[in-house]
Amino acid sequence: MIKGKLGLILIAGLAITGCSTRVADFTIISSKNLDLSRAAEFKRGVTRVHGEDKKSIIVFIPTGQPNAKEAMDRAIEQVPGAVGLVDGVVNQNSWYIPYIYGESSFEVEGTPLIDPAIEKTYKR
């Protein structure tokens, strides 16, 4: 009886697969247009932000392809005036229960880089 339960648990554990991969570490990254001649005016945010783009896998059919740029945009757009991220990381995650359901995603996390000129337009 115990061997049967242990075998069932082992098979269930093997059937539920998951993976997390650190794709990149970065010093500065942006999907927005940056005026680098004004980079000295930019300031760092005080807290880190997190963006994610996630797609589902239903049975064995994906609902789309997750996109790192979309995850980056979502992270940047959380802070008014942000034009990029510094000191961050990009991760790709996935898990799947065969023939039932799964998810695949990109996560981007970093400290926002804020352009004070753009930030002022949000404060009005």
PDB file of N, CA and C in Angstrom:
ATOM      1  N   MET A   1       0.826  -1.196   0.000  1.00  0.00           N
ATOM      2  CA  MET A   1       0.000   0.000   0.000  1.00  0.00           C
ATOM      3  C   MET A   1       0.870   1.258   0.000  1.00  0.00           C
ATOM      4  N   ILE A   2       1.904   1.273   0.842  1.00  0.00           N
ATOM      5  CA  ILE A   2       2.786   2.438   0.919  1.00  0.00           C
ATOM      6  C   ILE A   2       3.566   2.588  -0.383  1.00  0.00           C
ATOM      7  N   LYS A   3       4.008   1.458  -0.969  1.00  0.00           N
ATOM      8  CA  LYS A   3       4.731   1.521  -2.239  1.00  0.00           C
ATOM      9  C   LYS A   3       3.839   2.095  -3.337  1.00  0.00           C
ATOM     10  N   GLY A   4       2.570   1.738  -3.334  1.00  0.00           N
ATOM     11  CA  GLY A   4       1.627   2.259  -4.327  1.00  0.00           C
ATOM     12  C   GLY A   4       1.450   3.760  -4.206  1.00  0.00           C
ATOM     13  N   LYS A   5       1.307   4.260  -2.963  1.00  0.00           N
ATOM     14  CA  LYS A   5       1.152   5.702  -2.744  1.00  0.00           C
ATOM     15  C   LYS A   5       2.430   6.437  -3.121  1.00  0.00           C
ATOM     16  N   LEU A   6       3.571   5.857  -2.732  1.00  0.00           N
ATOM     17  CA  LEU A   6       4.854   6.481  -3.053  1.00  0.00           C
ATOM     18  C   LEU A   6       5.050   6.537  -4.565  1.00  0.00           C
ATOM     19  N   GLY A   7       4.689   5.462  -5.248  1.00  0.00           N
ATOM     20  CA  GLY A   7       4.791   5.430  -6.706  1.00  0.00           C
ATOM     21  C   GLY A   7       3.888   6.462  -7.357  1.00  0.00           C
ATOM     22  N   LEU A   8       2.676   6.599  -6.835  1.00  0.00           N
ATOM     23  CA  LEU A   8       1.734   7.580  -7.367  1.00  0.00           C
ATOM     24  C   LEU A   8       2.248   9.004  -7.153  1.00  0.00           C
ATOM     25  N   ILE A   9       2.799   9.271  -5.994  1.00  0.00           N
ATOM     26  CA  ILE A   9       3.361  10.595  -5.700  1.00  0.00           C
ATOM     27  C   ILE A   9       4.547  10.877  -6.615  1.00  0.00           C
ATOM     28  N   LEU A  10       5.391   9.876  -6.837  1.00  0.00           N
ATOM     29  CA  LEU A  10       6.549  10.037  -7.707  1.00  0.00           C
ATOM     30  C   LEU A  10       6.117  10.319  -9.147  1.00  0.00           C
ATOM     31  N   ILE A  11       5.147   9.592  -9.632  1.00  0.00           N
ATOM     32  CA  ILE A  11       4.644   9.811 -10.995  1.00  0.00           C
ATOM     33  C   ILE A  11       4.007  11.193 -11.120  1.00  0.00           C
ATOM     34  N   ALA A  12       3.229  11.596 -10.121  1.00  0.00           N
ATOM     35  CA  ALA A  12       2.611  12.928 -10.145  1.00  0.00           C
ATOM     36  C   ALA A  12       3.681  14.014 -10.132  1.00  0.00           C
ATOM     37  N   GLY A  13       4.724  13.818  -9.336  1.00  0.00           N
ATOM     38  CA  GLY A  13       5.812  14.792  -9.280  1.00  0.00           C
ATOM     39  C   GLY A  13       6.541  14.924 -10.602  1.00  0.00           C
ATOM     40  N   LEU A  14       6.730  13.819 -11.285  1.00  0.00           N
ATOM     41  CA  LEU A  14       7.389  13.860 -12.587  1.00  0.00           C
ATOM     42  C   LEU A  14       6.489  14.444 -13.667  1.00  0.00           C
ATOM     43  N   ALA A  15       5.189  14.266 -13.533  1.00  0.00           N
ATOM     44  CA  ALA A  15       4.249  14.772 -14.532  1.00  0.00           C
ATOM     45  C   ALA A  15       4.115  16.287 -14.477  1.00  0.00           C
ATOM     46  N   ILE A  16       4.262  16.868 -13.306  1.00  0.00           N
ATOM     47  CA  ILE A  16       4.159  18.317 -13.151  1.00  0.00           C
ATOM     48  C   ILE A  16       5.559  18.890 -13.338  1.00  0.00           C
ATOM     49  N   THR A  17       5.809  19.425 -14.507  1.00  0.00           N
ATOM     50  CA  THR A  17       7.140  19.939 -14.797  1.00  0.00           C
ATOM     51  C   THR A  17       7.133  21.455 -14.725  1.00  0.00           C
ATOM     52  N   GLY A  18       8.246  22.015 -14.334  1.00  0.00           N
ATOM     53  CA  GLY A  18       8.378  23.461 -14.256  1.00  0.00           C
ATOM     54  C   GLY A  18       9.826  23.860 -14.439  1.00  0.00           C
ATOM     55  N   CYS A  19      10.026  25.094 -14.847  1.00  0.00           N
ATOM     56  CA  CYS A  19      11.373  25.555 -15.116  1.00  0.00           C
ATOM     57  C   CYS A  19      11.424  27.065 -14.932  1.00  0.00           C
ATOM     58  N   SER A  20      12.515  27.534 -14.378  1.00  0.00           N
ATOM     59  CA  SER A  20      12.757  28.962 -14.265  1.00  0.00           C
ATOM     60  C   SER A  20      14.182  29.221 -14.732  1.00  0.00           C
ATOM     61  N   THR A  21      14.337  30.133 -15.679  1.00  0.00           N
ATOM     62  CA  THR A  21      15.646  30.419 -16.250  1.00  0.00           C
ATOM     63  C   THR A  21      15.929  31.904 -16.145  1.00  0.00           C
ATOM     64  N   ARG A  22      17.101  32.231 -15.626  1.00  0.00           N
ATOM     65  CA  ARG A  22      17.541  33.622 -15.589  1.00  0.00           C
ATOM     66  C   ARG A  22      18.106  33.936 -16.969  1.00  0.00           C
ATOM     67  N   VAL A  23      17.402  34.756 -17.715  1.00  0.00           N
ATOM     68  CA  VAL A  23      17.774  35.032 -19.099  1.00  0.00           C
ATOM     69  C   VAL A  23      18.887  36.074 -19.168  1.00  0.00           C
ATOM     70  N   ALA A  24      18.769  37.144 -18.379  1.00  0.00           N
ATOM     71  CA  ALA A  24      19.756  38.220 -18.464  1.00  0.00           C
ATOM     72  C   ALA A  24      19.781  39.046 -17.189  1.00  0.00           C
ATOM     73  N   ASP A  25      20.963  39.523 -16.856  1.00  0.00           N
ATOM     74  CA  ASP A  25      21.153  40.576 -15.859  1.00  0.00           C
ATOM     75  C   ASP A  25      21.553  41.814 -16.655  1.00  0.00           C
ATOM     76  N   PHE A  26      21.082  42.972 -16.242  1.00  0.00           N
ATOM     77  CA  PHE A  26      21.413  44.156 -17.019  1.00  0.00           C
ATOM     78  C   PHE A  26      21.735  45.337 -16.122  1.00  0.00           C
ATOM     79  N   THR A  27      22.560  46.234 -16.652  1.00  0.00           N
ATOM     80  CA  THR A  27      22.878  47.482 -15.977  1.00  0.00           C
ATOM     81  C   THR A  27      21.821  48.519 -16.308  1.00  0.00           C
ATOM     82  N   ILE A  28      21.475  48.617 -17.587  1.00  0.00           N
ATOM     83  CA  ILE A  28      20.399  49.516 -18.019  1.00  0.00           C
ATOM     84  C   ILE A  28      19.700  48.863 -19.214  1.00  0.00           C
ATOM     85  N   ILE A  29      18.384  48.967 -19.227  1.00  0.00           N
ATOM     86  CA  ILE A  29      17.599  48.400 -20.324  1.00  0.00           C
ATOM     87  C   ILE A  29      16.350  49.255 -20.505  1.00  0.00           C
ATOM     88  N   SER A  30      15.949  49.402 -21.769  1.00  0.00           N
ATOM     89  CA  SER A  30      14.746  50.180 -22.038  1.00  0.00           C
ATOM     90  C   SER A  30      14.145  49.762 -23.370  1.00  0.00           C
ATOM     91  N   SER A  31      12.844  49.866 -23.455  1.00  0.00           N
ATOM     92  CA  SER A  31      12.148  49.667 -24.725  1.00  0.00           C
ATOM     93  C   SER A  31      11.579  51.004 -25.208  1.00  0.00           C
ATOM     94  N   LYS A  32      11.897  52.060 -24.491  1.00  0.00           N
ATOM     95  CA  LYS A  32      11.425  53.412 -24.830  1.00  0.00           C
ATOM     96  C   LYS A  32      12.561  54.184 -25.500  1.00  0.00           C
ATOM     97  N   ASN A  33      12.226  55.276 -26.177  1.00  0.00           N
ATOM     98  CA  ASN A  33      13.250  56.138 -26.763  1.00  0.00           C
ATOM     99  C   ASN A  33      13.908  56.939 -25.649  1.00  0.00           C
ATOM    100  N   LEU A  34      15.233  56.838 -25.565  1.00  0.00           N
ATOM    101  CA  LEU A  34      15.991  57.557 -24.546  1.00  0.00           C
ATOM    102  C   LEU A  34      16.836  58.635 -25.200  1.00  0.00           C
ATOM    103  N   ASP A  35      16.844  59.820 -24.630  1.00  0.00           N
ATOM    104  CA  ASP A  35      17.750  60.873 -25.069  1.00  0.00           C
ATOM    105  C   ASP A  35      18.986  60.780 -24.180  1.00  0.00           C
ATOM    106  N   LEU A  36      19.993  60.029 -24.641  1.00  0.00           N
ATOM    107  CA  LEU A  36      21.171  59.782 -23.810  1.00  0.00           C
ATOM    108  C   LEU A  36      21.998  61.035 -23.562  1.00  0.00           C
ATOM    109  N   SER A  37      21.809  62.083 -24.359  1.00  0.00           N
ATOM    110  CA  SER A  37      22.529  63.328 -24.096  1.00  0.00           C
ATOM    111  C   SER A  37      22.047  63.966 -22.790  1.00  0.00           C
ATOM    112  N   ARG A  38      20.868  63.558 -22.314  1.00  0.00           N
ATOM    113  CA  ARG A  38      20.325  64.079 -21.057  1.00  0.00           C
ATOM    114  C   ARG A  38      20.429  63.063 -19.924  1.00  0.00           C
ATOM    115  N   ALA A  39      21.208  62.027 -20.106  1.00  0.00           N
ATOM    116  CA  ALA A  39      21.283  60.938 -19.130  1.00  0.00           C
ATOM    117  C   ALA A  39      21.712  61.415 -17.742  1.00  0.00           C
ATOM    118  N   ALA A  40      22.511  62.461 -17.660  1.00  0.00           N
ATOM    119  CA  ALA A  40      22.955  62.968 -16.357  1.00  0.00           C
ATOM    120  C   ALA A  40      21.789  63.533 -15.545  1.00  0.00           C
ATOM    121  N   GLU A  41      20.714  63.919 -16.207  1.00  0.00           N
ATOM    122  CA  GLU A  41      19.543  64.465 -15.515  1.00  0.00           C
ATOM    123  C   GLU A  41      18.626  63.373 -14.962  1.00  0.00           C
ATOM    124  N   PHE A  42      18.751  62.153 -15.471  1.00  0.00           N
ATOM    125  CA  PHE A  42      17.876  61.069 -15.033  1.00  0.00           C
ATOM    126  C   PHE A  42      18.139  60.738 -13.575  1.00  0.00           C
ATOM    127  N   LYS A  43      17.107  60.269 -12.890  1.00  0.00           N
ATOM    128  CA  LYS A  43      17.276  59.855 -11.497  1.00  0.00           C
ATOM    129  C   LYS A  43      16.733  58.442 -11.314  1.00  0.00           C
ATOM    130  N   ARG A  44      17.245  57.767 -10.306  1.00  0.00           N
ATOM    131  CA  ARG A  44      16.815  56.404 -10.007  1.00  0.00           C
ATOM    132  C   ARG A  44      15.606  56.435  -9.092  1.00  0.00           C
ATOM    133  N   GLY A  45      14.688  55.513  -9.319  1.00  0.00           N
ATOM    134  CA  GLY A  45      13.544  55.361  -8.428  1.00  0.00           C
ATOM    135  C   GLY A  45      13.999  54.788  -7.093  1.00  0.00           C
ATOM    136  N   VAL A  46      13.137  54.852  -6.104  1.00  0.00           N
ATOM    137  CA  VAL A  46      13.500  54.366  -4.771  1.00  0.00           C
ATOM    138  C   VAL A  46      13.137  52.896  -4.565  1.00  0.00           C
ATOM    139  N   THR A  47      12.176  52.388  -5.305  1.00  0.00           N
ATOM    140  CA  THR A  47      11.779  50.985  -5.148  1.00  0.00           C
ATOM    141  C   THR A  47      11.885  50.263  -6.485  1.00  0.00           C
ATOM    142  N   ARG A  48      12.071  48.966  -6.414  1.00  0.00           N
ATOM    143  CA  ARG A  48      12.139  48.147  -7.624  1.00  0.00           C
ATOM    144  C   ARG A  48      10.726  47.888  -8.150  1.00  0.00           C
ATOM    145  N   VAL A  49      10.626  47.716  -9.454  1.00  0.00           N
ATOM    146  CA  VAL A  49       9.345  47.415 -10.085  1.00  0.00           C
ATOM    147  C   VAL A  49       9.433  46.061 -10.781  1.00  0.00           C
ATOM    148  N   HIS A  50       8.274  45.476 -11.009  1.00  0.00           N
ATOM    149  CA  HIS A  50       8.187  44.134 -11.581  1.00  0.00           C
ATOM    150  C   HIS A  50       7.134  44.134 -12.680  1.00  0.00           C
ATOM    151  N   GLY A  51       7.491  43.599 -13.828  1.00  0.00           N
ATOM    152  CA  GLY A  51       6.540  43.457 -14.922  1.00  0.00           C
ATOM    153  C   GLY A  51       6.533  42.021 -15.409  1.00  0.00           C
ATOM    154  N   GLU A  52       5.375  41.569 -15.871  1.00  0.00           N
ATOM    155  CA  GLU A  52       5.255  40.178 -16.298  1.00  0.00           C
ATOM    156  C   GLU A  52       4.352  40.083 -17.524  1.00  0.00           C
ATOM    157  N   ASP A  53       4.722  39.202 -18.433  1.00  0.00           N
ATOM    158  CA  ASP A  53       3.851  38.848 -19.555  1.00  0.00           C
ATOM    159  C   ASP A  53       3.689  37.339 -19.508  1.00  0.00           C
ATOM    160  N   LYS A  54       2.453  36.890 -19.321  1.00  0.00           N
ATOM    161  CA  LYS A  54       2.161  35.470 -19.098  1.00  0.00           C
ATOM    162  C   LYS A  54       1.151  34.968 -20.119  1.00  0.00           C
ATOM    163  N   LYS A  55       1.390  33.776 -20.627  1.00  0.00           N
ATOM    164  CA  LYS A  55       0.458  33.118 -21.546  1.00  0.00           C
ATOM    165  C   LYS A  55       0.160  31.717 -21.022  1.00  0.00           C
ATOM    166  N   SER A  56      -1.037  31.242 -21.297  1.00  0.00           N
ATOM    167  CA  SER A  56      -1.481  29.926 -20.831  1.00  0.00           C
ATOM    168  C   SER A  56      -1.278  28.870 -21.911  1.00  0.00           C
ATOM    169  N   ILE A  57      -1.168  27.628 -21.456  1.00  0.00           N
ATOM    170  CA  ILE A  57      -1.144  26.470 -22.337  1.00  0.00           C
ATOM    171  C   ILE A  57      -2.329  25.610 -21.910  1.00  0.00           C
ATOM    172  N   ILE A  58      -3.333  25.524 -22.759  1.00  0.00           N
ATOM    173  CA  ILE A  58      -4.547  24.777 -22.430  1.00  0.00           C
ATOM    174  C   ILE A  58      -4.508  23.464 -23.208  1.00  0.00           C
ATOM    175  N   VAL A  59      -4.574  22.368 -22.507  1.00  0.00           N
ATOM    176  CA  VAL A  59      -4.382  21.014 -23.016  1.00  0.00           C
ATOM    177  C   VAL A  59      -2.955  20.946 -23.558  1.00  0.00           C
ATOM    178  N   PHE A  60      -2.722  21.201 -24.811  1.00  0.00           N
ATOM    179  CA  PHE A  60      -1.369  21.320 -25.351  1.00  0.00           C
ATOM    180  C   PHE A  60      -1.271  22.495 -26.322  1.00  0.00           C
ATOM    181  N   ILE A  61      -2.277  23.366 -26.308  1.00  0.00           N
ATOM    182  CA  ILE A  61      -2.343  24.496 -27.237  1.00  0.00           C
ATOM    183  C   ILE A  61      -1.997  25.794 -26.500  1.00  0.00           C
ATOM    184  N   PRO A  62      -0.890  26.450 -26.885  1.00  0.00           N
ATOM    185  CA  PRO A  62      -0.555  27.727 -26.246  1.00  0.00           C
ATOM    186  C   PRO A  62      -1.491  28.842 -26.712  1.00  0.00           C
ATOM    187  N   THR A  63      -1.831  29.751 -25.803  1.00  0.00           N
ATOM    188  CA  THR A  63      -2.698  30.880 -26.151  1.00  0.00           C
ATOM    189  C   THR A  63      -1.899  32.037 -26.732  1.00  0.00           C
ATOM    190  N   GLY A  64      -0.602  31.900 -26.794  1.00  0.00           N
ATOM    191  CA  GLY A  64       0.265  32.934 -27.342  1.00  0.00           C
ATOM    192  C   GLY A  64       1.685  32.709 -26.873  1.00  0.00           C
ATOM    193  N   GLN A  65       2.565  33.576 -27.305  1.00  0.00           N
ATOM    194  CA  GLN A  65       3.975  33.505 -26.927  1.00  0.00           C
ATOM    195  C   GLN A  65       4.273  34.658 -25.972  1.00  0.00           C
ATOM    196  N   PRO A  66       4.761  34.381 -24.756  1.00  0.00           N
ATOM    197  CA  PRO A  66       5.100  35.487 -23.858  1.00  0.00           C
ATOM    198  C   PRO A  66       6.232  36.321 -24.452  1.00  0.00           C
ATOM    199  N   ASN A  67       6.247  37.601 -24.115  1.00  0.00           N
ATOM    200  CA  ASN A  67       7.166  38.535 -24.732  1.00  0.00           C
ATOM    201  C   ASN A  67       7.909  39.318 -23.656  1.00  0.00           C
ATOM    202  N   ALA A  68       9.243  39.295 -23.691  1.00  0.00           N
ATOM    203  CA  ALA A  68      10.051  40.015 -22.704  1.00  0.00           C
ATOM    204  C   ALA A  68       9.861  41.528 -22.832  1.00  0.00           C
ATOM    205  N   LYS A  69       9.669  42.035 -24.058  1.00  0.00           N
ATOM    206  CA  LYS A  69       9.463  43.470 -24.243  1.00  0.00           C
ATOM    207  C   LYS A  69       8.174  43.926 -23.569  1.00  0.00           C
ATOM    208  N   GLU A  70       7.123  43.121 -23.674  1.00  0.00           N
ATOM    209  CA  GLU A  70       5.852  43.465 -23.028  1.00  0.00           C
ATOM    210  C   GLU A  70       6.018  43.495 -21.508  1.00  0.00           C
ATOM    211  N   ALA A  71       6.753  42.539 -20.963  1.00  0.00           N
ATOM    212  CA  ALA A  71       7.014  42.521 -19.520  1.00  0.00           C
ATOM    213  C   ALA A  71       7.814  43.755 -19.105  1.00  0.00           C
ATOM    214  N   MET A  72       8.795  44.139 -19.927  1.00  0.00           N
ATOM    215  CA  MET A  72       9.598  45.322 -19.642  1.00  0.00           C
ATOM    216  C   MET A  72       8.735  46.578 -19.682  1.00  0.00           C
ATOM    217  N   ASP A  73       7.883  46.696 -20.702  1.00  0.00           N
ATOM    218  CA  ASP A  73       6.983  47.855 -20.794  1.00  0.00           C
ATOM    219  C   ASP A  73       6.083  47.954 -19.568  1.00  0.00           C
ATOM    220  N   ARG A  74       5.553  46.835 -19.120  1.00  0.00           N
ATOM    221  CA  ARG A  74       4.668  46.845 -17.945  1.00  0.00           C
ATOM    222  C   ARG A  74       5.416  47.296 -16.693  1.00  0.00           C
ATOM    223  N   ALA A  75       6.673  46.912 -16.566  1.00  0.00           N
ATOM    224  CA  ALA A  75       7.465  47.345 -15.410  1.00  0.00           C
ATOM    225  C   ALA A  75       7.753  48.844 -15.483  1.00  0.00           C
ATOM    226  N   ILE A  76       8.180  49.315 -16.647  1.00  0.00           N
ATOM    227  CA  ILE A  76       8.526  50.733 -16.818  1.00  0.00           C
ATOM    228  C   ILE A  76       7.302  51.618 -16.607  1.00  0.00           C
ATOM    229  N   GLU A  77       6.163  51.209 -17.119  1.00  0.00           N
ATOM    230  CA  GLU A  77       4.955  52.041 -17.062  1.00  0.00           C
ATOM    231  C   GLU A  77       4.327  52.125 -15.674  1.00  0.00           C
ATOM    232  N   GLN A  78       4.846  51.400 -14.705  1.00  0.00           N
ATOM    233  CA  GLN A  78       4.326  51.491 -13.337  1.00  0.00           C
ATOM    234  C   GLN A  78       4.723  52.788 -12.654  1.00  0.00           C
ATOM    235  N   VAL A  79       5.796  53.428 -13.140  1.00  0.00           N
ATOM    236  CA  VAL A  79       6.306  54.640 -12.495  1.00  0.00           C
ATOM    237  C   VAL A  79       6.172  55.811 -13.466  1.00  0.00           C
ATOM    238  N   PRO A  80       5.463  56.871 -13.086  1.00  0.00           N
ATOM    239  CA  PRO A  80       5.330  58.038 -13.958  1.00  0.00           C
ATOM    240  C   PRO A  80       6.695  58.645 -14.283  1.00  0.00           C
ATOM    241  N   GLY A  81       6.954  58.849 -15.555  1.00  0.00           N
ATOM    242  CA  GLY A  81       8.207  59.450 -15.989  1.00  0.00           C
ATOM    243  C   GLY A  81       9.339  58.464 -16.202  1.00  0.00           C
ATOM    244  N   ALA A  82       9.122  57.202 -15.934  1.00  0.00           N
ATOM    245  CA  ALA A  82      10.183  56.205 -16.114  1.00  0.00           C
ATOM    246  C   ALA A  82      10.426  55.976 -17.600  1.00  0.00           C
ATOM    247  N   VAL A  83      11.702  55.875 -17.962  1.00  0.00           N
ATOM    248  CA  VAL A  83      12.077  55.642 -19.356  1.00  0.00           C
ATOM    249  C   VAL A  83      12.893  54.365 -19.523  1.00  0.00           C
ATOM    250  N   GLY A  84      13.241  53.726 -18.426  1.00  0.00           N
ATOM    251  CA  GLY A  84      14.033  52.502 -18.483  1.00  0.00           C
ATOM    252  C   GLY A  84      14.171  51.891 -17.105  1.00  0.00           C
ATOM    253  N   LEU A  85      14.966  50.821 -17.047  1.00  0.00           N
ATOM    254  CA  LEU A  85      15.243  50.141 -15.785  1.00  0.00           C
ATOM    255  C   LEU A  85      16.747  49.971 -15.636  1.00  0.00           C
ATOM    256  N   VAL A  86      17.217  50.060 -14.410  1.00  0.00           N
ATOM    257  CA  VAL A  86      18.631  49.815 -14.123  1.00  0.00           C
ATOM    258  C   VAL A  86      18.746  48.695 -13.097  1.00  0.00           C
ATOM    259  N   ASP A  87      19.915  48.050 -13.097  1.00  0.00           N
ATOM    260  CA  ASP A  87      20.236  46.982 -12.137  1.00  0.00           C
ATOM    261  C   ASP A  87      19.115  45.953 -12.039  1.00  0.00           C
ATOM    262  N   GLY A  88      18.821  45.312 -13.119  1.00  0.00           N
ATOM    263  CA  GLY A  88      17.687  44.398 -13.119  1.00  0.00           C
ATOM    264  C   GLY A  88      17.997  43.024 -13.662  1.00  0.00           C
ATOM    265  N   VAL A  89      16.927  42.268 -13.796  1.00  0.00           N
ATOM    266  CA  VAL A  89      17.032  40.887 -14.238  1.00  0.00           C
ATOM    267  C   VAL A  89      15.805  40.514 -15.075  1.00  0.00           C
ATOM    268  N   VAL A  90      16.029  39.630 -16.054  1.00  0.00           N
ATOM    269  CA  VAL A  90      14.950  39.072 -16.873  1.00  0.00           C
ATOM    270  C   VAL A  90      14.919  37.569 -16.619  1.00  0.00           C
ATOM    271  N   ASN A  91      13.757  37.051 -16.235  1.00  0.00           N
ATOM    272  CA  ASN A  91      13.570  35.617 -16.000  1.00  0.00           C
ATOM    273  C   ASN A  91      12.498  35.075 -16.929  1.00  0.00           C
ATOM    274  N   GLN A  92      12.673  33.818 -17.331  1.00  0.00           N
ATOM    275  CA  GLN A  92      11.644  33.108 -18.084  1.00  0.00           C
ATOM    276  C   GLN A  92      11.191  31.939 -17.227  1.00  0.00           C
ATOM    277  N   ASN A  93       9.886  31.828 -17.007  1.00  0.00           N
ATOM    278  CA  ASN A  93       9.322  30.776 -16.162  1.00  0.00           C
ATOM    279  C   ASN A  93       8.290  29.981 -16.947  1.00  0.00           C
ATOM    280  N   SER A  94       8.178  28.705 -16.606  1.00  0.00           N
ATOM    281  CA  SER A  94       7.121  27.897 -17.206  1.00  0.00           C
ATOM    282  C   SER A  94       6.825  26.704 -16.316  1.00  0.00           C
ATOM    283  N   TRP A  95       5.599  26.247 -16.400  1.00  0.00           N
ATOM    284  CA  TRP A  95       5.200  24.996 -15.755  1.00  0.00           C
ATOM    285  C   TRP A  95       4.066  24.402 -16.567  1.00  0.00           C
ATOM    286  N   TYR A  96       3.927  23.094 -16.476  1.00  0.00           N
ATOM    287  CA  TYR A  96       2.959  22.415 -17.331  1.00  0.00           C
ATOM    288  C   TYR A  96       2.548  21.092 -16.702  1.00  0.00           C
ATOM    289  N   ILE A  97       1.258  20.872 -16.617  1.00  0.00           N
ATOM    290  CA  ILE A  97       0.704  19.572 -16.250  1.00  0.00           C
ATOM    291  C   ILE A  97       0.241  18.970 -17.574  1.00  0.00           C
ATOM    292  N   PRO A  98       0.925  17.924 -18.058  1.00  0.00           N
ATOM    293  CA  PRO A  98       0.648  17.420 -19.407  1.00  0.00           C
ATOM    294  C   PRO A  98      -0.834  17.183 -19.685  1.00  0.00           C
ATOM    295  N   TYR A  99      -1.254  17.695 -20.835  1.00  0.00           N
ATOM    296  CA  TYR A  99      -2.616  17.548 -21.367  1.00  0.00           C
ATOM    297  C   TYR A  99      -3.697  18.171 -20.487  1.00  0.00           C
ATOM    298  N   ILE A 100      -3.301  19.045 -19.551  1.00  0.00           N
ATOM    299  CA  ILE A 100      -4.295  19.724 -18.725  1.00  0.00           C
ATOM    300  C   ILE A 100      -4.126  21.241 -18.853  1.00  0.00           C
ATOM    301  N   TYR A 101      -3.071  21.796 -18.248  1.00  0.00           N
ATOM    302  CA  TYR A 101      -2.894  23.246 -18.214  1.00  0.00           C
ATOM    303  C   TYR A 101      -1.444  23.571 -17.877  1.00  0.00           C
ATOM    304  N   GLY A 102      -0.999  24.729 -18.322  1.00  0.00           N
ATOM    305  CA  GLY A 102       0.328  25.219 -17.982  1.00  0.00           C
ATOM    306  C   GLY A 102       0.420  26.707 -18.248  1.00  0.00           C
ATOM    307  N   GLU A 103       1.538  27.290 -17.846  1.00  0.00           N
ATOM    308  CA  GLU A 103       1.779  28.715 -18.084  1.00  0.00           C
ATOM    309  C   GLU A 103       3.237  28.925 -18.454  1.00  0.00           C
ATOM    310  N   SER A 104       3.457  29.926 -19.277  1.00  0.00           N
ATOM    311  CA  SER A 104       4.794  30.342 -19.662  1.00  0.00           C
ATOM    312  C   SER A 104       4.840  31.857 -19.522  1.00  0.00           C
ATOM    313  N   SER A 105       5.934  32.382 -18.966  1.00  0.00           N
ATOM    314  CA  SER A 105       5.967  33.827 -18.737  1.00  0.00           C
ATOM    315  C   SER A 105       7.384  34.376 -18.774  1.00  0.00           C
ATOM    316  N   PHE A 106       7.466  35.676 -19.017  1.00  0.00           N
ATOM    317  CA  PHE A 106       8.686  36.450 -18.836  1.00  0.00           C
ATOM    318  C   PHE A 106       8.430  37.413 -17.693  1.00  0.00           C
ATOM    319  N   GLU A 107       9.408  37.560 -16.810  1.00  0.00           N
ATOM    320  CA  GLU A 107       9.348  38.535 -15.720  1.00  0.00           C
ATOM    321  C   GLU A 107      10.554  39.456 -15.832  1.00  0.00           C
ATOM    322  N   VAL A 108      10.322  40.744 -15.692  1.00  0.00           N
ATOM    323  CA  VAL A 108      11.389  41.740 -15.709  1.00  0.00           C
ATOM    324  C   VAL A 108      11.294  42.526 -14.414  1.00  0.00           C
ATOM    325  N   GLU A 109      12.419  42.662 -13.728  1.00  0.00           N
ATOM    326  CA  GLU A 109      12.452  43.409 -12.471  1.00  0.00           C
ATOM    327  C   GLU A 109      13.664  44.329 -12.483  1.00  0.00           C
ATOM    328  N   GLY A 110      13.489  45.546 -11.987  1.00  0.00           N
ATOM    329  CA  GLY A 110      14.594  46.486 -11.926  1.00  0.00           C
ATOM    330  C   GLY A 110      14.182  47.772 -11.232  1.00  0.00           C
ATOM    331  N   THR A 111      15.151  48.658 -11.082  1.00  0.00           N
ATOM    332  CA  THR A 111      14.920  49.972 -10.489  1.00  0.00           C
ATOM    333  C   THR A 111      14.602  50.950 -11.619  1.00  0.00           C
ATOM    334  N   PRO A 112      13.499  51.674 -11.528  1.00  0.00           N
ATOM    335  CA  PRO A 112      13.138  52.576 -12.630  1.00  0.00           C
ATOM    336  C   PRO A 112      14.124  53.732 -12.791  1.00  0.00           C
ATOM    337  N   LEU A 113      14.373  54.085 -14.033  1.00  0.00           N
ATOM    338  CA  LEU A 113      15.182  55.242 -14.390  1.00  0.00           C
ATOM    339  C   LEU A 113      14.198  56.321 -14.832  1.00  0.00           C
ATOM    340  N   ILE A 114      14.171  57.425 -14.102  1.00  0.00           N
ATOM    341  CA  ILE A 114      13.127  58.439 -14.289  1.00  0.00           C
ATOM    342  C   ILE A 114      13.695  59.685 -14.958  1.00  0.00           C
ATOM    343  N   ASP A 115      13.009  60.141 -15.989  1.00  0.00           N
ATOM    344  CA  ASP A 115      13.345  61.389 -16.664  1.00  0.00           C
ATOM    345  C   ASP A 115      12.507  62.485 -16.002  1.00  0.00           C
ATOM    346  N   PRO A 116      13.140  63.418 -15.265  1.00  0.00           N
ATOM    347  CA  PRO A 116      12.376  64.455 -14.558  1.00  0.00           C
ATOM    348  C   PRO A 116      11.499  65.309 -15.479  1.00  0.00           C
ATOM    349  N   ALA A 117      11.925  65.528 -16.720  1.00  0.00           N
ATOM    350  CA  ALA A 117      11.124  66.333 -17.651  1.00  0.00           C
ATOM    351  C   ALA A 117       9.806  65.632 -17.974  1.00  0.00           C
ATOM    352  N   ILE A 118       9.839  64.331 -18.139  1.00  0.00           N
ATOM    353  CA  ILE A 118       8.613  63.576 -18.417  1.00  0.00           C
ATOM    354  C   ILE A 118       7.785  63.433 -17.147  1.00  0.00           C
ATOM    355  N   GLU A 119       8.458  63.263 -16.018  1.00  0.00           N
ATOM    356  CA  GLU A 119       7.754  63.107 -14.738  1.00  0.00           C
ATOM    357  C   GLU A 119       6.910  64.340 -14.423  1.00  0.00           C
ATOM    358  N   LYS A 120       7.412  65.526 -14.777  1.00  0.00           N
ATOM    359  CA  LYS A 120       6.672  66.767 -14.519  1.00  0.00           C
ATOM    360  C   LYS A 120       5.336  66.784 -15.246  1.00  0.00           C
ATOM    361  N   THR A 121       5.279  66.218 -16.437  1.00  0.00           N
ATOM    362  CA  THR A 121       4.024  66.215 -17.191  1.00  0.00           C
ATOM    363  C   THR A 121       2.968  65.348 -16.514  1.00  0.00           C
ATOM    364  N   TYR A 122       3.393  64.337 -15.762  1.00  0.00           N
ATOM    365  CA  TYR A 122       2.439  63.490 -15.042  1.00  0.00           C
ATOM    366  C   TYR A 122       1.902  64.181 -13.793  1.00  0.00           C
ATOM    367  N   LYS A 123       2.672  65.095 -13.216  1.00  0.00           N
ATOM    368  CA  LYS A 123       2.280  65.742 -11.959  1.00  0.00           C
ATOM    369  C   LYS A 123       1.294  66.882 -12.172  1.00  0.00           C
ATOM    370  N   ARG A 124       1.085  67.285 -13.395  1.00  0.00           N
ATOM    371  CA  ARG A 124       0.157  68.399 -13.659  1.00  0.00           C
ATOM    372  C   ARG A 124      -1.256  67.968 -13.544  1.00  0.00           C
TER     373      ARG A 124
END
